[in-house]
């Protein structure tokens, strides 16, 4: 058996064993207080916040979520950040239920926004910092 086949077999065995699923869920749900408030882009200001989050609610699928607004380049995107479950860390469009951003919580407190859906596919990844 070639080296790549052994590596692929090992990855399939670990992924299929449930170990991969367990490791992904160690951190648990995102606490709403961690994201609530206004966030500015690293080179931006709090007066024109890049991201604002606030009201807790539910997605179309019944997932715990936090209402959010992202504004940049003259475009404003309203959505829901999924706080728990398989789509945890995604900002989804509440009308279409499609992901718009991936949210990566960094130390600091800082949050990285990774565009993955319309209408923000042309936007760059953006690091944000919490406004005081």
Protein backbone atom coordinates (compact mmCIF):
# COMPACT_ATOMS: atom_id res chain seq x y z
CA UNK A 1 0.00 0.00 0.00
CA UNK A 2 1.39 3.40 -1.00
CA UNK A 3 2.07 6.14 1.51
CA UNK A 4 -0.81 8.34 0.30
CA UNK A 5 -3.27 5.46 0.56
CA UNK A 6 -2.21 4.85 4.16
CA UNK A 7 -2.59 8.52 5.02
CA UNK A 8 -6.01 8.69 3.35
CA UNK A 9 -7.12 5.51 5.12
CA UNK A 10 -6.01 6.94 8.48
CA UNK A 11 -7.92 10.18 7.86
CA UNK A 12 -11.08 8.26 6.94
CA UNK A 13 -10.79 6.07 10.03
CA UNK A 14 -10.33 9.05 12.38
CA UNK A 15 -13.10 11.09 10.71
CA UNK A 16 -15.49 8.13 10.71
CA UNK A 17 -14.78 7.26 14.33
CA UNK A 18 -16.50 10.37 15.65
CA UNK A 19 -13.20 11.72 17.02
CA UNK A 20 -13.25 14.55 14.49
CA UNK A 21 -16.80 15.49 15.50
CA UNK A 22 -15.91 15.47 19.19
CA UNK A 23 -12.87 17.71 18.65
CA UNK A 24 -14.94 20.26 16.72
CA UNK A 25 -17.46 20.60 19.56
CA UNK A 26 -15.10 20.94 22.51
CA UNK A 27 -15.46 24.74 22.58
CA UNK A 28 -19.25 24.63 22.83
CA UNK A 29 -21.73 27.27 21.75
CA UNK A 30 -20.77 30.90 21.19
CA UNK A 31 -21.98 33.05 24.11
CA UNK A 32 -24.07 35.95 22.73
CA UNK A 33 -22.28 38.42 25.02
CA UNK A 34 -19.02 37.61 23.22
CA UNK A 35 -20.30 39.14 19.98
CA UNK A 36 -22.84 41.72 21.20
CA UNK A 37 -22.08 45.38 20.57
CA UNK A 38 -20.22 47.31 17.87
CA UNK A 39 -17.02 46.21 16.16
CA UNK A 40 -14.69 48.27 13.97
CA UNK A 41 -12.43 47.10 11.17
CA UNK A 42 -8.75 47.16 12.18
CA UNK A 43 -8.24 50.37 10.19
CA UNK A 44 -11.74 51.78 10.84
CA UNK A 45 -13.54 53.78 13.50
CA UNK A 46 -16.30 53.00 15.97
CA UNK A 47 -18.47 55.82 14.54
CA UNK A 48 -18.77 53.82 11.30
CA UNK A 49 -18.73 50.35 12.83
CA UNK A 50 -18.11 47.44 10.44
CA UNK A 51 -20.24 45.03 12.50
CA UNK A 52 -23.03 45.41 15.05
CA UNK A 53 -24.78 42.59 16.90
CA UNK A 54 -27.50 42.58 19.46
CA UNK A 55 -30.86 40.85 19.60
CA UNK A 56 -31.01 37.11 20.27
CA UNK A 57 -33.44 35.03 18.27
CA UNK A 58 -33.82 31.88 16.17
CA UNK A 59 -32.98 30.98 12.59
CA UNK A 60 -35.50 29.44 10.16
CA UNK A 61 -34.15 26.07 11.30
CA UNK A 62 -34.74 26.86 14.98
CA UNK A 63 -31.03 27.43 15.76
CA UNK A 64 -29.99 29.87 18.48
CA UNK A 65 -28.86 33.03 16.70
CA UNK A 66 -27.85 36.64 17.21
CA UNK A 67 -29.10 39.43 14.94
CA UNK A 68 -26.24 41.20 13.15
CA UNK A 69 -25.51 43.94 10.63
CA UNK A 70 -22.30 44.21 8.59
CA UNK A 71 -21.58 47.43 6.66
CA UNK A 72 -18.75 48.15 4.25
CA UNK A 73 -18.22 49.72 0.81
CA UNK A 74 -21.72 51.23 0.80
CA UNK A 75 -23.37 47.84 1.29
CA UNK A 76 -25.23 46.79 4.43
CA UNK A 77 -25.95 43.11 5.10
CA UNK A 78 -28.42 42.09 7.79
CA UNK A 79 -28.22 38.55 9.06
CA UNK A 80 -28.16 36.08 11.92
CA UNK A 81 -25.04 34.62 13.50
CA UNK A 82 -25.65 30.99 14.38
CA UNK A 83 -24.49 30.42 17.97
CA UNK A 84 -24.89 26.64 18.35
CA UNK A 85 -25.06 23.58 16.11
CA UNK A 86 -23.68 22.43 12.80
CA UNK A 87 -23.66 25.94 11.31
CA UNK A 88 -22.15 27.59 14.40
CA UNK A 89 -20.08 30.64 13.47
CA UNK A 90 -21.90 31.40 10.21
CA UNK A 91 -23.68 34.66 9.51
CA UNK A 92 -26.69 33.65 7.42
CA UNK A 93 -29.23 35.63 5.42
CA UNK A 94 -32.49 35.22 7.38
CA UNK A 95 -34.62 35.30 4.20
CA UNK A 96 -32.69 32.76 2.08
CA UNK A 97 -31.08 30.82 4.97
CA UNK A 98 -27.76 30.85 3.07
CA UNK A 99 -24.38 31.60 4.63
CA UNK A 100 -22.88 35.02 3.90
CA UNK A 101 -19.85 35.08 6.27
CA UNK A 102 -17.87 32.69 8.39
CA UNK A 103 -17.08 34.22 11.78
CA UNK A 104 -13.72 33.34 13.36
CA UNK A 105 -13.40 34.45 16.99
CA UNK A 106 -9.81 35.45 17.73
CA UNK A 107 -8.01 36.41 20.94
CA UNK A 108 -8.21 40.04 21.79
CA UNK A 109 -11.33 40.30 21.63
CA UNK A 110 -11.19 40.25 17.85
CA UNK A 111 -13.38 38.66 15.20
CA UNK A 112 -12.47 37.80 11.60
CA UNK A 113 -15.16 37.94 8.92
CA UNK A 114 -14.60 35.62 5.96
CA UNK A 115 -16.99 36.31 3.04
CA UNK A 116 -18.45 33.11 1.55
CA UNK A 117 -21.76 34.16 -0.02
CA UNK A 118 -23.64 36.83 -1.92
CA UNK A 119 -23.54 39.84 -1.87
CA UNK A 120 -20.08 40.00 -0.24
CA UNK A 121 -17.98 37.54 -2.25
CA UNK A 122 -15.76 40.35 -3.57
CA UNK A 123 -15.00 41.66 -0.05
CA UNK A 124 -11.65 40.81 1.56
CA UNK A 125 -11.39 38.93 4.86
CA UNK A 126 -11.69 41.54 7.61
CA UNK A 127 -10.34 41.52 11.16
CA UNK A 128 -12.42 43.52 13.62
CA UNK A 129 -11.90 44.81 17.16
CA UNK A 130 -14.60 45.45 19.76
CA UNK A 131 -15.48 49.10 20.29
CA UNK A 132 -15.27 50.36 23.90
